[in-house]
Amino acid sequence: MWRRLPPRTAPCIDMSLRIFHMVFIGVSVMLAAFVAAWAGQQYQELHAVSYAVTAVAALASGVGLAFYGAAFQRKTKGL
């Protein structure tokens, strides 16, 4: 007779909301850095002001996110 096997479940990754938030901020900082580098390279080739503005905005966003991540980490250290 056929034996019924228990259903397979996906492995559970236990990650707190705080850690997820920190990972998400880190990925966002890296994305901002890549966008700033790309826009800077495009500005060097095409000399369009929009690329310079994009590079500065992405760089400012990355720096702002890094400061936010540090402040968030200090604030939630005891959690």
PDB file of N, CA and C in Angstrom:
ATOM      1  N   MET A   1       0.832  -1.166   0.000  1.00  0.00           N
ATOM      2  CA  MET A   1       0.000   0.000   0.000  1.00  0.00           C
ATOM      3  C   MET A   1       0.886   1.243   0.000  1.00  0.00           C
ATOM      4  N   TRP A   2       0.385   2.324  -0.539  1.00  0.00           N
ATOM      5  CA  TRP A   2       1.137   3.571  -0.617  1.00  0.00           C
ATOM      6  C   TRP A   2       1.162   4.269   0.727  1.00  0.00           C
ATOM      7  N   ARG A   3       2.345   4.753   1.053  1.00  0.00           N
ATOM      8  CA  ARG A   3       2.500   5.482   2.300  1.00  0.00           C
ATOM      9  C   ARG A   3       2.514   6.985   2.004  1.00  0.00           C
ATOM     10  N   ARG A   4       1.753   7.720   2.742  1.00  0.00           N
ATOM     11  CA  ARG A   4       1.674   9.161   2.514  1.00  0.00           C
ATOM     12  C   ARG A   4       2.815   9.868   3.242  1.00  0.00           C
ATOM     13  N   LEU A   5       3.584  10.687   2.495  1.00  0.00           N
ATOM     14  CA  LEU A   5       4.692  11.426   3.069  1.00  0.00           C
ATOM     15  C   LEU A   5       4.201  12.791   3.552  1.00  0.00           C
ATOM     16  N   PRO A   6       4.843  13.321   4.589  1.00  0.00           N
ATOM     17  CA  PRO A   6       4.443  14.658   5.042  1.00  0.00           C
ATOM     18  C   PRO A   6       4.788  15.704   3.980  1.00  0.00           C
ATOM     19  N   PRO A   7       3.990  16.762   3.895  1.00  0.00           N
ATOM     20  CA  PRO A   7       4.271  17.782   2.872  1.00  0.00           C
ATOM     21  C   PRO A   7       5.599  18.476   3.142  1.00  0.00           C
ATOM     22  N   ARG A   8       6.280  18.810   2.074  1.00  0.00           N
ATOM     23  CA  ARG A   8       7.555  19.505   2.198  1.00  0.00           C
ATOM     24  C   ARG A   8       7.297  20.987   2.469  1.00  0.00           C
ATOM     25  N   THR A   9       8.086  21.503   3.358  1.00  0.00           N
ATOM     26  CA  THR A   9       7.969  22.927   3.659  1.00  0.00           C
ATOM     27  C   THR A   9       9.292  23.603   3.330  1.00  0.00           C
ATOM     28  N   ALA A  10       9.200  24.851   2.986  1.00  0.00           N
ATOM     29  CA  ALA A  10      10.402  25.622   2.683  1.00  0.00           C
ATOM     30  C   ALA A  10      11.164  25.871   3.978  1.00  0.00           C
ATOM     31  N   PRO A  11      12.489  25.935   3.901  1.00  0.00           N
ATOM     32  CA  PRO A  11      13.254  26.220   5.116  1.00  0.00           C
ATOM     33  C   PRO A  11      12.895  27.607   5.638  1.00  0.00           C
ATOM     34  N   CYS A  12      12.746  27.701   6.930  1.00  0.00           N
ATOM     35  CA  CYS A  12      12.348  28.949   7.561  1.00  0.00           C
ATOM     36  C   CYS A  12      13.599  29.747   7.940  1.00  0.00           C
ATOM     37  N   ILE A  13      13.636  30.973   7.500  1.00  0.00           N
ATOM     38  CA  ILE A  13      14.729  31.861   7.863  1.00  0.00           C
ATOM     39  C   ILE A  13      14.181  32.812   8.913  1.00  0.00           C
ATOM     40  N   ASP A  14      14.754  32.745  10.078  1.00  0.00           N
ATOM     41  CA  ASP A  14      14.288  33.568  11.181  1.00  0.00           C
ATOM     42  C   ASP A  14      15.100  34.854  11.213  1.00  0.00           C
ATOM     43  N   MET A  15      14.488  35.946  10.768  1.00  0.00           N
ATOM     44  CA  MET A  15      15.171  37.231  10.729  1.00  0.00           C
ATOM     45  C   MET A  15      14.254  38.268  11.362  1.00  0.00           C
ATOM     46  N   SER A  16      14.819  39.029  12.282  1.00  0.00           N
ATOM     47  CA  SER A  16      14.005  40.039  12.948  1.00  0.00           C
ATOM     48  C   SER A  16      13.747  41.206  11.999  1.00  0.00           C
ATOM     49  N   LEU A  17      12.745  41.982  12.340  1.00  0.00           N
ATOM     50  CA  LEU A  17      12.418  43.145  11.533  1.00  0.00           C
ATOM     51  C   LEU A  17      13.554  44.158  11.566  1.00  0.00           C
ATOM     52  N   ARG A  18      14.249  44.258  12.682  1.00  0.00           N
ATOM     53  CA  ARG A  18      15.390  45.173  12.811  1.00  0.00           C
ATOM     54  C   ARG A  18      16.511  44.781  11.851  1.00  0.00           C
ATOM     55  N   ILE A  19      16.850  43.508  11.808  1.00  0.00           N
ATOM     56  CA  ILE A  19      17.918  43.036  10.921  1.00  0.00           C
ATOM     57  C   ILE A  19      17.505  43.212   9.458  1.00  0.00           C
ATOM     58  N   PHE A  20      16.251  42.899   9.149  1.00  0.00           N
ATOM     59  CA  PHE A  20      15.770  43.078   7.783  1.00  0.00           C
ATOM     60  C   PHE A  20      15.890  44.547   7.377  1.00  0.00           C
ATOM     61  N   HIS A  21      15.539  45.442   8.282  1.00  0.00           N
ATOM     62  CA  HIS A  21      15.618  46.874   8.011  1.00  0.00           C
ATOM     63  C   HIS A  21      17.069  47.288   7.744  1.00  0.00           C
ATOM     64  N   MET A  22      18.000  46.784   8.536  1.00  0.00           N
ATOM     65  CA  MET A  22      19.414  47.111   8.346  1.00  0.00           C
ATOM     66  C   MET A  22      19.935  46.568   7.010  1.00  0.00           C
ATOM     67  N   VAL A  23      19.540  45.365   6.657  1.00  0.00           N
ATOM     68  CA  VAL A  23      19.955  44.786   5.370  1.00  0.00           C
ATOM     69  C   VAL A  23      19.387  45.619   4.226  1.00  0.00           C
ATOM     70  N   PHE A  24      18.129  45.996   4.338  1.00  0.00           N
ATOM     71  CA  PHE A  24      17.482  46.788   3.293  1.00  0.00           C
ATOM     72  C   PHE A  24      18.165  48.147   3.136  1.00  0.00           C
ATOM     73  N   ILE A  25      18.545  48.782   4.242  1.00  0.00           N
ATOM     74  CA  ILE A  25      19.254  50.058   4.173  1.00  0.00           C
ATOM     75  C   ILE A  25      20.617  49.869   3.517  1.00  0.00           C
ATOM     76  N   GLY A  26      21.326  48.803   3.872  1.00  0.00           N
ATOM     77  CA  GLY A  26      22.631  48.530   3.266  1.00  0.00           C
ATOM     78  C   GLY A  26      22.541  48.315   1.761  1.00  0.00           C
ATOM     79  N   VAL A  27      21.541  47.567   1.328  1.00  0.00           N
ATOM     80  CA  VAL A  27      21.354  47.345  -0.112  1.00  0.00           C
ATOM     81  C   VAL A  27      21.007  48.658  -0.807  1.00  0.00           C
ATOM     82  N   SER A  28      20.210  49.491  -0.153  1.00  0.00           N
ATOM     83  CA  SER A  28      19.846  50.791  -0.728  1.00  0.00           C
ATOM     84  C   SER A  28      21.055  51.709  -0.853  1.00  0.00           C
ATOM     85  N   VAL A  29      21.958  51.670   0.116  1.00  0.00           N
ATOM     86  CA  VAL A  29      23.184  52.477   0.035  1.00  0.00           C
ATOM     87  C   VAL A  29      24.036  52.006  -1.137  1.00  0.00           C
ATOM     88  N   MET A  30      24.161  50.702  -1.305  1.00  0.00           N
ATOM     89  CA  MET A  30      24.944  50.182  -2.432  1.00  0.00           C
ATOM     90  C   MET A  30      24.311  50.558  -3.765  1.00  0.00           C
ATOM     91  N   LEU A  31      22.991  50.477  -3.857  1.00  0.00           N
ATOM     92  CA  LEU A  31      22.306  50.859  -5.090  1.00  0.00           C
ATOM     93  C   LEU A  31      22.525  52.337  -5.389  1.00  0.00           C
ATOM     94  N   ALA A  32      22.442  53.181  -4.378  1.00  0.00           N
ATOM     95  CA  ALA A  32      22.682  54.612  -4.576  1.00  0.00           C
ATOM     96  C   ALA A  32      24.109  54.857  -5.055  1.00  0.00           C
ATOM     97  N   ALA A  33      25.071  54.119  -4.519  1.00  0.00           N
ATOM     98  CA  ALA A  33      26.460  54.278  -4.955  1.00  0.00           C
ATOM     99  C   ALA A  33      26.632  53.868  -6.418  1.00  0.00           C
ATOM    100  N   PHE A  34      26.005  52.773  -6.814  1.00  0.00           N
ATOM    101  CA  PHE A  34      26.095  52.334  -8.211  1.00  0.00           C
ATOM    102  C   PHE A  34      25.420  53.331  -9.150  1.00  0.00           C
ATOM    103  N   VAL A  35      24.277  53.874  -8.739  1.00  0.00           N
ATOM    104  CA  VAL A  35      23.593  54.864  -9.576  1.00  0.00           C
ATOM    105  C   VAL A  35      24.448  56.126  -9.697  1.00  0.00           C
ATOM    106  N   ALA A  36      25.063  56.554  -8.596  1.00  0.00           N
ATOM    107  CA  ALA A  36      25.933  57.730  -8.637  1.00  0.00           C
ATOM    108  C   ALA A  36      27.130  57.493  -9.565  1.00  0.00           C
ATOM    109  N   ALA A  37      27.722  56.314  -9.488  1.00  0.00           N
ATOM    110  CA  ALA A  37      28.860  56.000 -10.361  1.00  0.00           C
ATOM    111  C   ALA A  37      28.434  55.947 -11.819  1.00  0.00           C
ATOM    112  N   TRP A  38      27.287  55.337 -12.078  1.00  0.00           N
ATOM    113  CA  TRP A  38      26.785  55.260 -13.454  1.00  0.00           C
ATOM    114  C   TRP A  38      26.489  56.648 -14.003  1.00  0.00           C
ATOM    115  N   ALA A  39      25.809  57.474 -13.221  1.00  0.00           N
ATOM    116  CA  ALA A  39      25.454  58.810 -13.682  1.00  0.00           C
ATOM    117  C   ALA A  39      26.709  59.667 -13.878  1.00  0.00           C
ATOM    118  N   GLY A  40      27.688  59.510 -13.009  1.00  0.00           N
ATOM    119  CA  GLY A  40      28.934  60.250 -13.175  1.00  0.00           C
ATOM    120  C   GLY A  40      29.661  59.857 -14.448  1.00  0.00           C
ATOM    121  N   GLN A  41      29.664  58.572 -14.744  1.00  0.00           N
ATOM    122  CA  GLN A  41      30.305  58.091 -15.974  1.00  0.00           C
ATOM    123  C   GLN A  41      29.541  58.592 -17.203  1.00  0.00           C
ATOM    124  N   GLN A  42      28.219  58.594 -17.139  1.00  0.00           N
ATOM    125  CA  GLN A  42      27.421  59.110 -18.252  1.00  0.00           C
ATOM    126  C   GLN A  42      27.658  60.601 -18.454  1.00  0.00           C
ATOM    127  N   TYR A  43      27.803  61.330 -17.347  1.00  0.00           N
ATOM    128  CA  TYR A  43      28.070  62.762 -17.456  1.00  0.00           C
ATOM    129  C   TYR A  43      29.424  63.017 -18.127  1.00  0.00           C
ATOM    130  N   GLN A  44      30.416  62.202 -17.805  1.00  0.00           N
ATOM    131  CA  GLN A  44      31.732  62.373 -18.428  1.00  0.00           C
ATOM    132  C   GLN A  44      31.675  62.131 -19.933  1.00  0.00           C
ATOM    133  N   GLU A  45      30.817  61.222 -20.356  1.00  0.00           N
ATOM    134  CA  GLU A  45      30.732  60.921 -21.785  1.00  0.00           C
ATOM    135  C   GLU A  45      29.848  61.901 -22.544  1.00  0.00           C
ATOM    136  N   LEU A  46      28.687  62.243 -21.970  1.00  0.00           N
ATOM    137  CA  LEU A  46      27.692  63.007 -22.715  1.00  0.00           C
ATOM    138  C   LEU A  46      27.592  64.476 -22.303  1.00  0.00           C
ATOM    139  N   HIS A  47      28.127  64.827 -21.160  1.00  0.00           N
ATOM    140  CA  HIS A  47      28.097  66.196 -20.640  1.00  0.00           C
ATOM    141  C   HIS A  47      26.680  66.756 -20.528  1.00  0.00           C
ATOM    142  N   ALA A  48      25.734  65.908 -20.191  1.00  0.00           N
ATOM    143  CA  ALA A  48      24.362  66.355 -19.956  1.00  0.00           C
ATOM    144  C   ALA A  48      24.210  66.674 -18.471  1.00  0.00           C
ATOM    145  N   VAL A  49      23.650  67.824 -18.193  1.00  0.00           N
ATOM    146  CA  VAL A  49      23.530  68.287 -16.810  1.00  0.00           C
ATOM    147  C   VAL A  49      22.646  67.351 -15.987  1.00  0.00           C
ATOM    148  N   SER A  50      21.680  66.719 -16.628  1.00  0.00           N
ATOM    149  CA  SER A  50      20.780  65.821 -15.895  1.00  0.00           C
ATOM    150  C   SER A  50      21.543  64.664 -15.252  1.00  0.00           C
ATOM    151  N   TYR A  51      22.596  64.188 -15.893  1.00  0.00           N
ATOM    152  CA  TYR A  51      23.399  63.113 -15.306  1.00  0.00           C
ATOM    153  C   TYR A  51      24.193  63.616 -14.100  1.00  0.00           C
ATOM    154  N   ALA A  52      24.676  64.841 -14.158  1.00  0.00           N
ATOM    155  CA  ALA A  52      25.395  65.409 -13.016  1.00  0.00           C
ATOM    156  C   ALA A  52      24.456  65.576 -11.829  1.00  0.00           C
ATOM    157  N   VAL A  53      23.246  66.057 -12.093  1.00  0.00           N
ATOM    158  CA  VAL A  53      22.257  66.217 -11.026  1.00  0.00           C
ATOM    159  C   VAL A  53      21.889  64.862 -10.437  1.00  0.00           C
ATOM    160  N   THR A  54      21.727  63.863 -11.292  1.00  0.00           N
ATOM    161  CA  THR A  54      21.406  62.519 -10.822  1.00  0.00           C
ATOM    162  C   THR A  54      22.532  61.951  -9.967  1.00  0.00           C
ATOM    163  N   ALA A  55      23.775  62.164 -10.380  1.00  0.00           N
ATOM    164  CA  ALA A  55      24.919  61.661  -9.614  1.00  0.00           C
ATOM    165  C   ALA A  55      24.980  62.311  -8.240  1.00  0.00           C
ATOM    166  N   VAL A  56      24.784  63.613  -8.178  1.00  0.00           N
ATOM    167  CA  VAL A  56      24.823  64.316  -6.893  1.00  0.00           C
ATOM    168  C   VAL A  56      23.661  63.881  -6.008  1.00  0.00           C
ATOM    169  N   ALA A  57      22.474  63.741  -6.586  1.00  0.00           N
ATOM    170  CA  ALA A  57      21.306  63.320  -5.813  1.00  0.00           C
ATOM    171  C   ALA A  57      21.481  61.899  -5.286  1.00  0.00           C
ATOM    172  N   ALA A  58      22.008  61.004  -6.110  1.00  0.00           N
ATOM    173  CA  ALA A  58      22.215  59.625  -5.666  1.00  0.00           C
ATOM    174  C   ALA A  58      23.282  59.559  -4.585  1.00  0.00           C
ATOM    175  N   LEU A  59      24.326  60.348  -4.731  1.00  0.00           N
ATOM    176  CA  LEU A  59      25.373  60.385  -3.715  1.00  0.00           C
ATOM    177  C   LEU A  59      24.833  60.929  -2.395  1.00  0.00           C
ATOM    178  N   ALA A  60      24.048  61.996  -2.471  1.00  0.00           N
ATOM    179  CA  ALA A  60      23.443  62.559  -1.260  1.00  0.00           C
ATOM    180  C   ALA A  60      22.475  61.560  -0.613  1.00  0.00           C
ATOM    181  N   SER A  61      21.725  60.844  -1.428  1.00  0.00           N
ATOM    182  CA  SER A  61      20.814  59.830  -0.895  1.00  0.00           C
ATOM    183  C   SER A  61      21.576  58.719  -0.196  1.00  0.00           C
ATOM    184  N   GLY A  62      22.668  58.281  -0.795  1.00  0.00           N
ATOM    185  CA  GLY A  62      23.477  57.228  -0.182  1.00  0.00           C
ATOM    186  C   GLY A  62      24.066  57.662   1.145  1.00  0.00           C
ATOM    187  N   VAL A  63      24.577  58.879   1.201  1.00  0.00           N
ATOM    188  CA  VAL A  63      25.138  59.395   2.453  1.00  0.00           C
ATOM    189  C   VAL A  63      24.040  59.540   3.499  1.00  0.00           C
ATOM    190  N   GLY A  64      22.889  60.063   3.085  1.00  0.00           N
ATOM    191  CA  GLY A  64      21.767  60.197   4.003  1.00  0.00           C
ATOM    192  C   GLY A  64      21.289  58.848   4.532  1.00  0.00           C
ATOM    193  N   LEU A  65      21.221  57.861   3.668  1.00  0.00           N
ATOM    194  CA  LEU A  65      20.819  56.523   4.101  1.00  0.00           C
ATOM    195  C   LEU A  65      21.842  55.914   5.054  1.00  0.00           C
ATOM    196  N   ALA A  66      23.117  56.167   4.814  1.00  0.00           N
ATOM    197  CA  ALA A  66      24.153  55.642   5.713  1.00  0.00           C
ATOM    198  C   ALA A  66      24.024  56.258   7.106  1.00  0.00           C
ATOM    199  N   PHE A  67      23.799  57.576   7.167  1.00  0.00           N
ATOM    200  CA  PHE A  67      23.591  58.212   8.464  1.00  0.00           C
ATOM    201  C   PHE A  67      22.319  57.707   9.136  1.00  0.00           C
ATOM    202  N   TYR A  68      21.268  57.515   8.343  1.00  0.00           N
ATOM    203  CA  TYR A  68      20.023  56.984   8.893  1.00  0.00           C
ATOM    204  C   TYR A  68      20.234  55.575   9.441  1.00  0.00           C
ATOM    205  N   GLY A  69      20.969  54.751   8.708  1.00  0.00           N
ATOM    206  CA  GLY A  69      21.243  53.394   9.173  1.00  0.00           C
ATOM    207  C   GLY A  69      22.025  53.379  10.468  1.00  0.00           C
ATOM    208  N   ALA A  70      23.004  54.261  10.588  1.00  0.00           N
ATOM    209  CA  ALA A  70      23.784  54.342  11.828  1.00  0.00           C
ATOM    210  C   ALA A  70      22.911  54.807  12.989  1.00  0.00           C
ATOM    211  N   ALA A  71      22.067  55.807  12.746  1.00  0.00           N
ATOM    212  CA  ALA A  71      21.174  56.297  13.803  1.00  0.00           C
ATOM    213  C   ALA A  71      20.152  55.229  14.196  1.00  0.00           C
ATOM    214  N   PHE A  72      19.640  54.512  13.208  1.00  0.00           N
ATOM    215  CA  PHE A  72      18.674  53.447  13.487  1.00  0.00           C
ATOM    216  C   PHE A  72      19.324  52.339  14.309  1.00  0.00           C
ATOM    217  N   GLN A  73      20.556  52.001  13.981  1.00  0.00           N
ATOM    218  CA  GLN A  73      21.254  50.962  14.717  1.00  0.00           C
ATOM    219  C   GLN A  73      21.493  51.375  16.165  1.00  0.00           C
ATOM    220  N   ARG A  74      21.898  52.627  16.374  1.00  0.00           N
ATOM    221  CA  ARG A  74      22.087  53.112  17.745  1.00  0.00           C
ATOM    222  C   ARG A  74      20.775  53.104  18.516  1.00  0.00           C
ATOM    223  N   LYS A  75      19.702  53.525  17.858  1.00  0.00           N
ATOM    224  CA  LYS A  75      18.413  53.646  18.533  1.00  0.00           C
ATOM    225  C   LYS A  75      17.843  52.274  18.924  1.00  0.00           C
ATOM    226  N   THR A  76      18.065  51.273  18.091  1.00  0.00           N
ATOM    227  CA  THR A  76      17.471  49.957  18.336  1.00  0.00           C
ATOM    228  C   THR A  76      18.478  48.944  18.865  1.00  0.00           C
ATOM    229  N   LYS A  77      19.600  49.401  19.375  1.00  0.00           N
ATOM    230  CA  LYS A  77      20.648  48.495  19.834  1.00  0.00           C
ATOM    231  C   LYS A  77      20.158  47.546  20.922  1.00  0.00           C
ATOM    232  N   GLY A  78      19.312  48.028  21.810  1.00  0.00           N
ATOM    233  CA  GLY A  78      18.854  47.195  22.918  1.00  0.00           C
ATOM    234  C   GLY A  78      17.721  46.263  22.584  1.00  0.00           C
ATOM    235  N   LEU A  79      17.188  46.312  21.385  1.00  0.00           N
ATOM    236  CA  LEU A  79      16.051  45.455  21.040  1.00  0.00           C
ATOM    237  C   LEU A  79      16.474  44.059  20.658  1.00  0.00           C
TER     238      LEU A  79
END
